[in-house]
């Protein structure tokens, strides 16, 4: 006889969500499971309560997480399910995405913000014995897909260094985004083969100051560099290959 298993959800902060932050705990949650007679499956009557994690990737199709080998396998592969726990009248599991890497050292749970993939889902599995001593089993449908964004992806402002070691950093970035998480501007200090540079970028316009003293102003397409007030120039002005001396 089958158990009735509700569809589980991914929850973060105040409740269910479809976009999650990797740097915050993620709760997998399922409301009470019931026997065929309508009574609730409890920890005392449950003999198995587990879950599996799945992902859908571009080009790779559906895969299941093998927690023992720390790798993603084809969805039909046989892998060990992970245990659930009972709390506040729900079956739950806790997923910590940050620092959870696969066997190759790459983040196991991280959605590409550009493509929106991979997305993740979960399925819960239960077995229990009812009041009449009859064993019943059941599994949920797949949860709604969720995105798990890299740490800091939902921040409107931030500072990033590359590589992520202050003693070896060659690139420092300060950015600001709008409410839709679209970057509106940044200030960047970086080093390349020609030296150190300070870059200011916003709206397609760019100002680049290099440690050799050069300054490059690049307005956005169709825009101009506008000067309100007096302009004092000394040296030369180059226009179309013609160099003019300025007294």
C-alpha atoms as a PDB file:
ATOM      1  CA  UNK A   1       0.000   0.000   0.000  1.00  0.00           C
ATOM      2  CA  UNK A   2       1.378   3.455  -0.828  1.00  0.00           C
ATOM      3  CA  UNK A   3       2.123   6.292   1.532  1.00  0.00           C
ATOM      4  CA  UNK A   4       0.966   9.767   0.501  1.00  0.00           C
ATOM      5  CA  UNK A   5       4.058  11.979   0.263  1.00  0.00           C
ATOM      6  CA  UNK A   6       3.662  15.743  -0.387  1.00  0.00           C
ATOM      7  CA  UNK A   7       5.991  17.515  -2.800  1.00  0.00           C
ATOM      8  CA  UNK A   8       9.034  18.833  -0.915  1.00  0.00           C
ATOM      9  CA  UNK A   9      10.270  22.413  -1.158  1.00  0.00           C
ATOM     10  CA  UNK A  10      13.560  24.267  -0.837  1.00  0.00           C
ATOM     11  CA  UNK A  11      13.360  26.953   1.829  1.00  0.00           C
ATOM     12  CA  UNK A  12      15.603  29.806   2.888  1.00  0.00           C
ATOM     13  CA  UNK A  13      15.088  32.675   5.326  1.00  0.00           C
ATOM     14  CA  UNK A  14      11.316  33.174   5.617  1.00  0.00           C
ATOM     15  CA  UNK A  15      10.017  30.313   3.481  1.00  0.00           C
ATOM     16  CA  UNK A  16      10.029  28.536   0.104  1.00  0.00           C
ATOM     17  CA  UNK A  17      12.106  30.156  -2.625  1.00  0.00           C
ATOM     18  CA  UNK A  18      13.179  29.402  -6.188  1.00  0.00           C
ATOM     19  CA  UNK A  19      16.398  31.442  -6.074  1.00  0.00           C
ATOM     20  CA  UNK A  20      18.714  30.610  -3.191  1.00  0.00           C
ATOM     21  CA  UNK A  21      22.024  31.963  -1.929  1.00  0.00           C
ATOM     22  CA  UNK A  22      24.847  29.450  -1.569  1.00  0.00           C
ATOM     23  CA  UNK A  23      26.222  31.251   1.485  1.00  0.00           C
ATOM     24  CA  UNK A  24      23.037  30.718   3.547  1.00  0.00           C
ATOM     25  CA  UNK A  25      21.692  27.407   4.900  1.00  0.00           C
ATOM     26  CA  UNK A  26      19.071  25.768   2.656  1.00  0.00           C
ATOM     27  CA  UNK A  27      16.316  23.654   4.191  1.00  0.00           C
ATOM     28  CA  UNK A  28      14.636  20.837   2.274  1.00  0.00           C
ATOM     29  CA  UNK A  29      11.190  20.372   3.781  1.00  0.00           C
ATOM     30  CA  UNK A  30       8.195  18.078   3.378  1.00  0.00           C
ATOM     31  CA  UNK A  31       4.865  18.341   5.268  1.00  0.00           C
ATOM     32  CA  UNK A  32       3.548  15.269   7.130  1.00  0.00           C
ATOM     33  CA  UNK A  33       3.413  11.981   5.223  1.00  0.00           C
ATOM     34  CA  UNK A  34       0.263   9.897   5.696  1.00  0.00           C
ATOM     35  CA  UNK A  35      -0.673   6.227   5.616  1.00  0.00           C
ATOM     36  CA  UNK A  36      -3.526   4.959   3.447  1.00  0.00           C
ATOM     37  CA  UNK A  37      -5.919   5.359   6.409  1.00  0.00           C
ATOM     38  CA  UNK A  38      -4.982   9.041   6.779  1.00  0.00           C
ATOM     39  CA  UNK A  39      -2.865   8.711   9.925  1.00  0.00           C
ATOM     40  CA  UNK A  40       0.467  10.495  10.007  1.00  0.00           C
ATOM     41  CA  UNK A  41       3.794   8.780   9.557  1.00  0.00           C
ATOM     42  CA  UNK A  42       5.893   9.624  12.616  1.00  0.00           C
ATOM     43  CA  UNK A  43       9.490   8.860  13.613  1.00  0.00           C
ATOM     44  CA  UNK A  44       8.159   5.941  15.694  1.00  0.00           C
ATOM     45  CA  UNK A  45       6.360   4.325  12.732  1.00  0.00           C
ATOM     46  CA  UNK A  46       8.846   5.249   9.983  1.00  0.00           C
ATOM     47  CA  UNK A  47      11.457   2.665   9.079  1.00  0.00           C
ATOM     48  CA  UNK A  48      13.120   4.593   6.214  1.00  0.00           C
ATOM     49  CA  UNK A  49      13.148   8.327   5.454  1.00  0.00           C
ATOM     50  CA  UNK A  50      15.611   9.538   2.849  1.00  0.00           C
ATOM     51  CA  UNK A  51      16.052  11.974  -0.045  1.00  0.00           C
ATOM     52  CA  UNK A  52      17.998  12.415  -3.257  1.00  0.00           C
ATOM     53  CA  UNK A  53      19.228  15.593  -4.925  1.00  0.00           C
ATOM     54  CA  UNK A  54      19.008  16.094  -8.680  1.00  0.00           C
ATOM     55  CA  UNK A  55      20.207  18.715 -11.128  1.00  0.00           C
ATOM     56  CA  UNK A  56      19.302  19.657 -14.674  1.00  0.00           C
ATOM     57  CA  UNK A  57      22.204  21.012 -16.732  1.00  0.00           C
ATOM     58  CA  UNK A  58      22.533  22.375 -20.226  1.00  0.00           C
ATOM     59  CA  UNK A  59      23.886  19.557 -22.370  1.00  0.00           C
ATOM     60  CA  UNK A  60      24.103  17.007 -19.520  1.00  0.00           C
ATOM     61  CA  UNK A  61      20.416  16.381 -18.880  1.00  0.00           C
ATOM     62  CA  UNK A  62      19.198  15.140 -15.498  1.00  0.00           C
ATOM     63  CA  UNK A  63      21.734  13.916 -12.933  1.00  0.00           C
ATOM     64  CA  UNK A  64      21.628  12.641  -9.364  1.00  0.00           C
ATOM     65  CA  UNK A  65      24.083  13.588  -6.617  1.00  0.00           C
ATOM     66  CA  UNK A  66      26.232  10.721  -5.335  1.00  0.00           C
ATOM     67  CA  UNK A  67      27.071  11.978  -1.848  1.00  0.00           C
ATOM     68  CA  UNK A  68      29.462   9.078  -1.186  1.00  0.00           C
ATOM     69  CA  UNK A  69      31.630   9.682  -4.270  1.00  0.00           C
ATOM     70  CA  UNK A  70      30.997  13.456  -4.302  1.00  0.00           C
ATOM     71  CA  UNK A  71      30.025  13.476  -7.954  1.00  0.00           C
ATOM     72  CA  UNK A  72      26.986  13.881 -10.234  1.00  0.00           C
ATOM     73  CA  UNK A  73      25.831  10.756 -12.056  1.00  0.00           C
ATOM     74  CA  UNK A  74      23.120  10.079 -14.681  1.00  0.00           C
ATOM     75  CA  UNK A  75      19.710  10.326 -13.020  1.00  0.00           C
ATOM     76  CA  UNK A  76      19.026   6.591 -13.447  1.00  0.00           C
ATOM     77  CA  UNK A  77      22.190   5.601 -11.544  1.00  0.00           C
ATOM     78  CA  UNK A  78      21.826   3.775  -8.234  1.00  0.00           C
ATOM     79  CA  UNK A  79      23.224   5.965  -5.464  1.00  0.00           C
ATOM     80  CA  UNK A  80      22.805   5.995  -1.687  1.00  0.00           C
ATOM     81  CA  UNK A  81      19.974   8.248  -0.542  1.00  0.00           C
ATOM     82  CA  UNK A  82      20.653  10.631   2.339  1.00  0.00           C
ATOM     83  CA  UNK A  83      18.746  10.620   5.652  1.00  0.00           C
ATOM     84  CA  UNK A  84      16.008  13.069   6.643  1.00  0.00           C
ATOM     85  CA  UNK A  85      15.162  14.243  10.160  1.00  0.00           C
ATOM     86  CA  UNK A  86      11.849  15.104  11.838  1.00  0.00           C
ATOM     87  CA  UNK A  87      11.429  18.652  13.145  1.00  0.00           C
ATOM     88  CA  UNK A  88       8.396  20.883  13.791  1.00  0.00           C
ATOM     89  CA  UNK A  89       6.029  18.278  12.339  1.00  0.00           C
ATOM     90  CA  UNK A  90       7.904  18.155   9.025  1.00  0.00           C
ATOM     91  CA  UNK A  91      10.537  15.938   7.440  1.00  0.00           C
ATOM     92  CA  UNK A  92      13.642  17.997   6.725  1.00  0.00           C
ATOM     93  CA  UNK A  93      17.223  17.999   5.516  1.00  0.00           C
ATOM     94  CA  UNK A  94      19.818  20.749   5.637  1.00  0.00           C
ATOM     95  CA  UNK A  95      21.898  21.615   2.581  1.00  0.00           C
ATOM     96  CA  UNK A  96      24.986  23.789   2.963  1.00  0.00           C
ATOM     97  CA  UNK A  97      26.039  24.704  -0.565  1.00  0.00           C
ATOM     98  CA  UNK A  98      29.007  26.945   0.214  1.00  0.00           C
ATOM     99  CA  UNK A  99      32.216  24.940   0.442  1.00  0.00           C
ATOM    100  CA  UNK A 100      30.409  21.794  -0.746  1.00  0.00           C
ATOM    101  CA  UNK A 101      32.673  20.747  -3.609  1.00  0.00           C
ATOM    102  CA  UNK A 102      32.630  17.726  -5.889  1.00  0.00           C
ATOM    103  CA  UNK A 103      35.501  15.264  -6.241  1.00  0.00           C
ATOM    104  CA  UNK A 104      37.240  17.579  -8.739  1.00  0.00           C
ATOM    105  CA  UNK A 105      37.171  20.522  -6.317  1.00  0.00           C
ATOM    106  CA  UNK A 106      34.417  22.443  -8.129  1.00  0.00           C
ATOM    107  CA  UNK A 107      31.278  23.748  -6.362  1.00  0.00           C
ATOM    108  CA  UNK A 108      28.724  20.922  -6.293  1.00  0.00           C
ATOM    109  CA  UNK A 109      25.749  23.299  -6.083  1.00  0.00           C
ATOM    110  CA  UNK A 110      26.106  26.509  -8.053  1.00  0.00           C
ATOM    111  CA  UNK A 111      23.957  27.992 -10.813  1.00  0.00           C
ATOM    112  CA  UNK A 112      25.507  30.069 -13.581  1.00  0.00           C
ATOM    113  CA  UNK A 113      23.770  33.452 -13.268  1.00  0.00           C
ATOM    114  CA  UNK A 114      24.140  34.021 -17.025  1.00  0.00           C
ATOM    115  CA  UNK A 115      22.521  30.801 -18.287  1.00  0.00           C
ATOM    116  CA  UNK A 116      20.320  30.034 -15.277  1.00  0.00           C
ATOM    117  CA  UNK A 117      21.639  26.443 -15.194  1.00  0.00           C
ATOM    118  CA  UNK A 118      22.071  24.031 -13.589  1.00  0.00           C
ATOM    119  CA  UNK A 119      18.861  24.003 -11.539  1.00  0.00           C
ATOM    120  CA  UNK A 120      18.291  21.644  -8.643  1.00  0.00           C
ATOM    121  CA  UNK A 121      15.471  19.475  -7.317  1.00  0.00           C
ATOM    122  CA  UNK A 122      14.836  16.889  -4.630  1.00  0.00           C
ATOM    123  CA  UNK A 123      12.710  13.804  -4.110  1.00  0.00           C
ATOM    124  CA  UNK A 124      11.769  12.267  -0.730  1.00  0.00           C
ATOM    125  CA  UNK A 125      11.327   8.521  -0.026  1.00  0.00           C
ATOM    126  CA  UNK A 126       9.579   6.866   2.941  1.00  0.00           C
ATOM    127  CA  UNK A 127       8.705   3.457   4.350  1.00  0.00           C
ATOM    128  CA  UNK A 128       6.682   2.871   7.503  1.00  0.00           C
ATOM    129  CA  UNK A 129       4.519   0.389   9.352  1.00  0.00           C
ATOM    130  CA  UNK A 130       0.899   1.308  10.056  1.00  0.00           C
ATOM    131  CA  UNK A 131      -1.169   0.469  13.147  1.00  0.00           C
ATOM    132  CA  UNK A 132      -2.133  -2.868  11.630  1.00  0.00           C
ATOM    133  CA  UNK A 133       1.486  -3.892  11.118  1.00  0.00           C
ATOM    134  CA  UNK A 134       1.321  -3.424   7.347  1.00  0.00           C
ATOM    135  CA  UNK A 135       4.390  -1.913   5.708  1.00  0.00           C
ATOM    136  CA  UNK A 136       3.733   0.960   3.325  1.00  0.00           C
ATOM    137  CA  UNK A 137       6.134   2.876   1.076  1.00  0.00           C
ATOM    138  CA  UNK A 138       5.907   6.015  -1.011  1.00  0.00           C
ATOM    139  CA  UNK A 139       7.895   8.752  -2.683  1.00  0.00           C
ATOM    140  CA  UNK A 140       7.224  12.360  -3.531  1.00  0.00           C
ATOM    141  CA  UNK A 141       7.087  13.944  -6.925  1.00  0.00           C
ATOM    142  CA  UNK A 142      10.121  16.020  -7.847  1.00  0.00           C
ATOM    143  CA  UNK A 143      10.227  19.426  -6.188  1.00  0.00           C
ATOM    144  CA  UNK A 144      10.034  22.630  -8.202  1.00  0.00           C
ATOM    145  CA  UNK A 145      13.477  23.522  -9.631  1.00  0.00           C
ATOM    146  CA  UNK A 146      15.613  26.064  -7.801  1.00  0.00           C
ATOM    147  CA  UNK A 147      18.719  28.077  -8.649  1.00  0.00           C
ATOM    148  CA  UNK A 148      21.574  28.236  -6.142  1.00  0.00           C
ATOM    149  CA  UNK A 149      23.648  31.355  -6.743  1.00  0.00           C
ATOM    150  CA  UNK A 150      27.298  31.778  -5.820  1.00  0.00           C
ATOM    151  CA  UNK A 151      28.135  33.575  -2.556  1.00  0.00           C
ATOM    152  CA  UNK A 152      27.620  37.317  -2.938  1.00  0.00           C
ATOM    153  CA  UNK A 153      25.633  37.030  -6.181  1.00  0.00           C
ATOM    154  CA  UNK A 154      22.630  38.722  -4.568  1.00  0.00           C
ATOM    155  CA  UNK A 155      24.625  41.557  -3.009  1.00  0.00           C
ATOM    156  CA  UNK A 156      23.948  45.019  -4.435  1.00  0.00           C
ATOM    157  CA  UNK A 157      27.461  46.166  -3.557  1.00  0.00           C
ATOM    158  CA  UNK A 158      30.715  44.444  -2.855  1.00  0.00           C
ATOM    159  CA  UNK A 159      34.458  44.149  -3.146  1.00  0.00           C
ATOM    160  CA  UNK A 160      36.192  41.313  -4.983  1.00  0.00           C
ATOM    161  CA  UNK A 161      39.856  40.431  -5.241  1.00  0.00           C
ATOM    162  CA  UNK A 162      41.579  38.086  -7.663  1.00  0.00           C
ATOM    163  CA  UNK A 163      43.141  35.746  -6.851  1.00  0.00           C
ATOM    164  CA  UNK A 164      41.199  35.376  -3.611  1.00  0.00           C
ATOM    165  CA  UNK A 165      44.293  35.839  -1.475  1.00  0.00           C
ATOM    166  CA  UNK A 166      45.269  39.366  -0.339  1.00  0.00           C
ATOM    167  CA  UNK A 167      48.961  38.403  -0.320  1.00  0.00           C
ATOM    168  CA  UNK A 168      48.815  37.515  -4.045  1.00  0.00           C
ATOM    169  CA  UNK A 169      46.061  39.786  -5.389  1.00  0.00           C
ATOM    170  CA  UNK A 170      46.544  41.486  -8.767  1.00  0.00           C
ATOM    171  CA  UNK A 171      42.968  42.713  -9.244  1.00  0.00           C
ATOM    172  CA  UNK A 172      40.652  44.681  -6.924  1.00  0.00           C
ATOM    173  CA  UNK A 173      37.040  45.433  -7.893  1.00  0.00           C
ATOM    174  CA  UNK A 174      34.420  47.624  -6.150  1.00  0.00           C
ATOM    175  CA  UNK A 175      30.950  47.337  -7.711  1.00  0.00           C
ATOM    176  CA  UNK A 176      27.368  48.535  -7.284  1.00  0.00           C
ATOM    177  CA  UNK A 177      24.204  46.900  -8.716  1.00  0.00           C
ATOM    178  CA  UNK A 178      20.577  47.999  -9.001  1.00  0.00           C
ATOM    179  CA  UNK A 179      17.610  46.140  -7.483  1.00  0.00           C
ATOM    180  CA  UNK A 180      17.528  43.713 -10.430  1.00  0.00           C
ATOM    181  CA  UNK A 181      21.146  42.744  -9.648  1.00  0.00           C
ATOM    182  CA  UNK A 182      22.388  44.425 -12.834  1.00  0.00           C
ATOM    183  CA  UNK A 183      25.799  45.972 -12.340  1.00  0.00           C
ATOM    184  CA  UNK A 184      25.636  49.753 -12.828  1.00  0.00           C
ATOM    185  CA  UNK A 185      29.237  50.706 -12.261  1.00  0.00           C
ATOM    186  CA  UNK A 186      32.570  49.681 -10.850  1.00  0.00           C
ATOM    187  CA  UNK A 187      36.004  50.896  -9.904  1.00  0.00           C
ATOM    188  CA  UNK A 188      38.810  48.487 -10.644  1.00  0.00           C
ATOM    189  CA  UNK A 189      42.506  48.548  -9.797  1.00  0.00           C
ATOM    190  CA  UNK A 190      44.461  45.882 -11.617  1.00  0.00           C
ATOM    191  CA  UNK A 191      47.850  44.837 -12.917  1.00  0.00           C
ATOM    192  CA  UNK A 192      48.692  43.438 -16.347  1.00  0.00           C
ATOM    193  CA  UNK A 193      51.804  43.079 -18.488  1.00  0.00           C
ATOM    194  CA  UNK A 194      52.024  46.843 -19.048  1.00  0.00           C
ATOM    195  CA  UNK A 195      51.721  47.874 -15.397  1.00  0.00           C
ATOM    196  CA  UNK A 196      49.049  49.004 -12.935  1.00  0.00           C
ATOM    197  CA  UNK A 197      45.804  50.682 -13.955  1.00  0.00           C
ATOM    198  CA  UNK A 198      42.756  52.292 -12.342  1.00  0.00           C
ATOM    199  CA  UNK A 199      39.514  51.839 -14.299  1.00  0.00           C
ATOM    200  CA  UNK A 200      36.168  53.565 -13.781  1.00  0.00           C
ATOM    201  CA  UNK A 201      33.197  52.145 -15.690  1.00  0.00           C
ATOM    202  CA  UNK A 202      29.500  53.098 -15.849  1.00  0.00           C
ATOM    203  CA  UNK A 203      26.821  53.087 -18.556  1.00  0.00           C
ATOM    204  CA  UNK A 204      29.246  51.971 -21.240  1.00  0.00           C
ATOM    205  CA  UNK A 205      31.673  54.840 -20.521  1.00  0.00           C
ATOM    206  CA  UNK A 206      35.214  54.112 -19.352  1.00  0.00           C
ATOM    207  CA  UNK A 207      38.026  56.080 -17.797  1.00  0.00           C
ATOM    208  CA  UNK A 208      41.423  54.382 -17.605  1.00  0.00           C
ATOM    209  CA  UNK A 209      44.378  55.807 -15.690  1.00  0.00           C
ATOM    210  CA  UNK A 210      47.678  53.928 -15.996  1.00  0.00           C
ATOM    211  CA  UNK A 211      50.771  54.157 -13.830  1.00  0.00           C
ATOM    212  CA  UNK A 212      52.745  55.479 -16.796  1.00  0.00           C
ATOM    213  CA  UNK A 213      50.654  58.646 -16.479  1.00  0.00           C
ATOM    214  CA  UNK A 214      48.350  58.008 -19.472  1.00  0.00           C
ATOM    215  CA  UNK A 215      44.626  58.811 -19.192  1.00  0.00           C
ATOM    216  CA  UNK A 216      42.106  57.389 -21.656  1.00  0.00           C
ATOM    217  CA  UNK A 217      38.511  58.693 -21.786  1.00  0.00           C
ATOM    218  CA  UNK A 218      36.087  56.453 -23.702  1.00  0.00           C
ATOM    219  CA  UNK A 219      32.446  57.627 -23.758  1.00  0.00           C
ATOM    220  CA  UNK A 220      29.644  55.172 -24.528  1.00  0.00           C
ATOM    221  CA  UNK A 221      28.624  54.730 -28.179  1.00  0.00           C
ATOM    222  CA  UNK A 222      26.861  57.853 -29.421  1.00  0.00           C
ATOM    223  CA  UNK A 223      27.947  59.904 -26.412  1.00  0.00           C
ATOM    224  CA  UNK A 224      30.596  62.588 -26.068  1.00  0.00           C
ATOM    225  CA  UNK A 225      33.088  63.841 -23.516  1.00  0.00           C
ATOM    226  CA  UNK A 226      31.551  67.100 -22.325  1.00  0.00           C
ATOM    227  CA  UNK A 227      33.456  69.858 -20.515  1.00  0.00           C
ATOM    228  CA  UNK A 228      31.521  72.540 -18.680  1.00  0.00           C
ATOM    229  CA  UNK A 229      33.851  75.449 -17.997  1.00  0.00           C
ATOM    230  CA  UNK A 230      37.311  76.405 -19.178  1.00  0.00           C
ATOM    231  CA  UNK A 231      39.733  73.986 -20.784  1.00  0.00           C
ATOM    232  CA  UNK A 232      43.446  74.623 -20.483  1.00  0.00           C
ATOM    233  CA  UNK A 233      45.690  72.611 -22.813  1.00  0.00           C
ATOM    234  CA  UNK A 234      49.463  72.600 -23.122  1.00  0.00           C
ATOM    235  CA  UNK A 235      51.573  70.291 -25.261  1.00  0.00           C
ATOM    236  CA  UNK A 236      50.120  68.832 -28.450  1.00  0.00           C
ATOM    237  CA  UNK A 237      46.752  67.761 -29.795  1.00  0.00           C
ATOM    238  CA  UNK A 238      46.531  64.846 -32.203  1.00  0.00           C
ATOM    239  CA  UNK A 239      43.572  64.617 -34.566  1.00  0.00           C
ATOM    240  CA  UNK A 240      43.292  62.158 -37.466  1.00  0.00           C
ATOM    241  CA  UNK A 241      47.064  61.691 -37.515  1.00  0.00           C
ATOM    242  CA  UNK A 242      47.735  65.418 -37.498  1.00  0.00           C
ATOM    243  CA  UNK A 243      49.652  66.725 -34.497  1.00  0.00           C
ATOM    244  CA  UNK A 244      49.137  70.356 -33.557  1.00  0.00           C
ATOM    245  CA  UNK A 245      51.326  72.195 -31.062  1.00  0.00           C
ATOM    246  CA  UNK A 246      49.514  74.161 -28.372  1.00  0.00           C
ATOM    247  CA  UNK A 247      51.343  77.165 -26.928  1.00  0.00           C
END
